[in-house]
Structure formats: structure tokens, C-alpha cells
Amino acid sequence: MVDETSGEIIQQGTPMSRNTLGQMDEGIKLVTDETITQDGKISQLEAEVKILKDATLNNMTNNVFLETFGSLDSIKLSKGVYDPVARKIYV
């Protein structure tokens, strides 16, 4: 920080180097990755709360099942319809 009147350096800034910028880049990447992970978890919890809320409001308090699958590749759906965009099975 520089005094505008005298031009005197009041506080020395952090020296810029390849090492300090590399650490900053790595920190940004770690925070971004964690944010993406947490966003996915929040979305899943939002979906589960909505399903349970809808079931409760419609007096369907028994036999409510929630299951998460990475894909339906190894699942044979005998009844119902799978919506790949919403990632939901309607039975």
C-alpha cells in the first residue's frame, strides 16, 4: 500500500512468484471441486425433501422409497417410466 501524498510504501504487498501463484491456483481448484461436490449433495437432498413433502401432503406416508442409482445400465425396469433428464423413475 502506498501513501498517495508522499508516495511512501506503507505496507509491502505479497511478492508475486510462480510458486505463490501456483499455490493460489491449486487452492482455487480445490475450492471449486468441493463446491461442485457440495452442490450435488444439496441437489440430492432437495429432491429427497420434495419427494417426502409431496408424499406427506398427499397422505402417502407409507411405502415411500428413495433410491439413488448412478445409472440404469444394470437395472431392468419392468413397470414405470424413466425420465433421463430429471433422473426419475415414475411408477
C-alpha atoms as a PDB file:
ATOM      1  CA  MET A   1       0.000   0.000   0.000  1.00  0.00           C
ATOM      2  CA  VAL A   2       1.364   3.405  -0.935  1.00  0.00           C
ATOM      3  CA  ASP A   3       0.644   6.754   0.707  1.00  0.00           C
ATOM      4  CA  GLU A   4      -0.882   8.836  -2.089  1.00  0.00           C
ATOM      5  CA  THR A   5       0.560  12.103  -0.790  1.00  0.00           C
ATOM      6  CA  SER A   6       4.162  11.124  -0.138  1.00  0.00           C
ATOM      7  CA  GLY A   7       4.471   8.053  -2.340  1.00  0.00           C
ATOM      8  CA  GLU A   8       5.917   6.206   0.658  1.00  0.00           C
ATOM      9  CA  ILE A   9       5.280   2.449   0.885  1.00  0.00           C
ATOM     10  CA  ILE A  10       3.124   1.908   3.984  1.00  0.00           C
ATOM     11  CA  GLN A  11       2.633  -1.836   3.669  1.00  0.00           C
ATOM     12  CA  GLN A  12       4.606  -4.207   1.467  1.00  0.00           C
ATOM     13  CA  GLY A  13       2.432  -6.471  -0.662  1.00  0.00           C
ATOM     14  CA  THR A  14       2.834 -10.210  -1.187  1.00  0.00           C
ATOM     15  CA  PRO A  15       5.642 -10.883  -3.627  1.00  0.00           C
ATOM     16  CA  MET A  16       4.393 -12.485  -6.847  1.00  0.00           C
ATOM     17  CA  SER A  17       6.159 -15.606  -7.975  1.00  0.00           C
ATOM     18  CA  ARG A  18       5.461 -18.787  -9.870  1.00  0.00           C
ATOM     19  CA  ASN A  19       5.270 -20.633  -6.556  1.00  0.00           C
ATOM     20  CA  THR A  20       2.742 -18.310  -4.865  1.00  0.00           C
ATOM     21  CA  LEU A  21       0.556 -18.162  -7.992  1.00  0.00           C
ATOM     22  CA  GLY A  22       0.709 -21.954  -8.278  1.00  0.00           C
ATOM     23  CA  GLN A  23      -0.470 -22.312  -4.686  1.00  0.00           C
ATOM     24  CA  MET A  24      -3.300 -19.892  -5.383  1.00  0.00           C
ATOM     25  CA  ASP A  25      -4.341 -21.859  -8.490  1.00  0.00           C
ATOM     26  CA  GLU A  26      -4.313 -25.127  -6.524  1.00  0.00           C
ATOM     27  CA  GLY A  27      -6.403 -23.547  -3.756  1.00  0.00           C
ATOM     28  CA  ILE A  28      -8.947 -22.257  -6.272  1.00  0.00           C
ATOM     29  CA  LYS A  29      -9.159 -25.717  -7.876  1.00  0.00           C
ATOM     30  CA  LEU A  30      -9.706 -27.435  -4.503  1.00  0.00           C
ATOM     31  CA  VAL A  31     -12.435 -24.968  -3.521  1.00  0.00           C
ATOM     32  CA  THR A  32     -14.119 -25.319  -6.929  1.00  0.00           C
ATOM     33  CA  ASP A  33     -14.063 -29.137  -6.726  1.00  0.00           C
ATOM     34  CA  GLU A  34     -15.511 -29.078  -3.204  1.00  0.00           C
ATOM     35  CA  THR A  35     -18.205 -26.603  -4.267  1.00  0.00           C
ATOM     36  CA  ILE A  36     -19.255 -28.905  -7.124  1.00  0.00           C
ATOM     37  CA  THR A  37     -19.396 -31.867  -4.727  1.00  0.00           C
ATOM     38  CA  GLN A  38     -21.452 -29.953  -2.164  1.00  0.00           C
ATOM     39  CA  ASP A  39     -23.787 -28.615  -4.871  1.00  0.00           C
ATOM     40  CA  GLY A  40     -24.541 -32.184  -5.958  1.00  0.00           C
ATOM     41  CA  LYS A  41     -25.256 -33.239  -2.385  1.00  0.00           C
ATOM     42  CA  ILE A  42     -27.543 -30.244  -1.849  1.00  0.00           C
ATOM     43  CA  SER A  43     -29.451 -31.027  -5.056  1.00  0.00           C
ATOM     44  CA  GLN A  44     -29.943 -34.629  -3.938  1.00  0.00           C
ATOM     45  CA  LEU A  45     -31.215 -33.531  -0.534  1.00  0.00           C
ATOM     46  CA  GLU A  46     -33.583 -31.024  -2.170  1.00  0.00           C
ATOM     47  CA  ALA A  47     -35.033 -33.817  -4.296  1.00  0.00           C
ATOM     48  CA  GLU A  48     -35.473 -36.116  -1.306  1.00  0.00           C
ATOM     49  CA  VAL A  49     -37.178 -33.397   0.764  1.00  0.00           C
ATOM     50  CA  LYS A  50     -39.535 -32.624  -2.140  1.00  0.00           C
ATOM     51  CA  ILE A  51     -40.446 -36.300  -2.562  1.00  0.00           C
ATOM     52  CA  LEU A  52     -41.115 -36.749   1.148  1.00  0.00           C
ATOM     53  CA  LYS A  53     -43.042 -33.475   1.339  1.00  0.00           C
ATOM     54  CA  ASP A  54     -45.201 -34.359  -1.671  1.00  0.00           C
ATOM     55  CA  ALA A  55     -45.865 -37.834  -0.273  1.00  0.00           C
ATOM     56  CA  THR A  56     -46.854 -36.418   3.119  1.00  0.00           C
ATOM     57  CA  LEU A  57     -49.116 -33.728   1.628  1.00  0.00           C
ATOM     58  CA  ASN A  58     -50.864 -36.402  -0.440  1.00  0.00           C
ATOM     59  CA  ASN A  59     -51.329 -38.662   2.621  1.00  0.00           C
ATOM     60  CA  MET A  60     -48.868 -41.218   1.219  1.00  0.00           C
ATOM     61  CA  THR A  61     -46.990 -41.734   4.476  1.00  0.00           C
ATOM     62  CA  ASN A  62     -46.381 -45.461   3.990  1.00  0.00           C
ATOM     63  CA  ASN A  63     -44.154 -47.227   1.484  1.00  0.00           C
ATOM     64  CA  VAL A  64     -42.245 -44.182   0.305  1.00  0.00           C
ATOM     65  CA  PHE A  65     -38.930 -45.359  -1.117  1.00  0.00           C
ATOM     66  CA  LEU A  66     -35.953 -43.308  -2.172  1.00  0.00           C
ATOM     67  CA  GLU A  67     -33.085 -44.922  -4.039  1.00  0.00           C
ATOM     68  CA  THR A  68     -30.196 -43.339  -5.890  1.00  0.00           C
ATOM     69  CA  PHE A  69     -28.541 -45.069  -8.835  1.00  0.00           C
ATOM     70  CA  GLY A  70     -25.566 -43.866 -10.821  1.00  0.00           C
ATOM     71  CA  SER A  71     -27.249 -45.143 -13.970  1.00  0.00           C
ATOM     72  CA  LEU A  72     -29.893 -47.644 -15.014  1.00  0.00           C
ATOM     73  CA  ASP A  73     -27.424 -49.717 -17.040  1.00  0.00           C
ATOM     74  CA  SER A  74     -27.657 -52.744 -14.750  1.00  0.00           C
ATOM     75  CA  ILE A  75     -31.350 -52.331 -13.870  1.00  0.00           C
ATOM     76  CA  LYS A  76     -34.277 -53.861 -15.729  1.00  0.00           C
ATOM     77  CA  LEU A  77     -37.311 -51.623 -15.310  1.00  0.00           C
ATOM     78  CA  SER A  78     -40.395 -53.835 -15.588  1.00  0.00           C
ATOM     79  CA  LYS A  79     -43.021 -51.201 -14.684  1.00  0.00           C
ATOM     80  CA  GLY A  80     -42.851 -47.459 -14.842  1.00  0.00           C
ATOM     81  CA  VAL A  81     -41.076 -44.881 -16.953  1.00  0.00           C
ATOM     82  CA  TYR A  82     -37.569 -43.491 -16.561  1.00  0.00           C
ATOM     83  CA  ASP A  83     -37.023 -39.788 -17.243  1.00  0.00           C
ATOM     84  CA  PRO A  84     -33.288 -39.399 -18.004  1.00  0.00           C
ATOM     85  CA  VAL A  85     -33.413 -35.593 -17.872  1.00  0.00           C
ATOM     86  CA  ALA A  86     -34.973 -35.413 -14.403  1.00  0.00           C
ATOM     87  CA  ARG A  87     -33.261 -38.695 -13.442  1.00  0.00           C
ATOM     88  CA  LYS A  88     -36.523 -40.042 -12.010  1.00  0.00           C
ATOM     89  CA  ILE A  89     -38.488 -43.252 -12.300  1.00  0.00           C
ATOM     90  CA  TYR A  90     -42.248 -42.874 -12.343  1.00  0.00           C
ATOM     91  CA  VAL A  91     -44.131 -45.958 -11.131  1.00  0.00           C
END
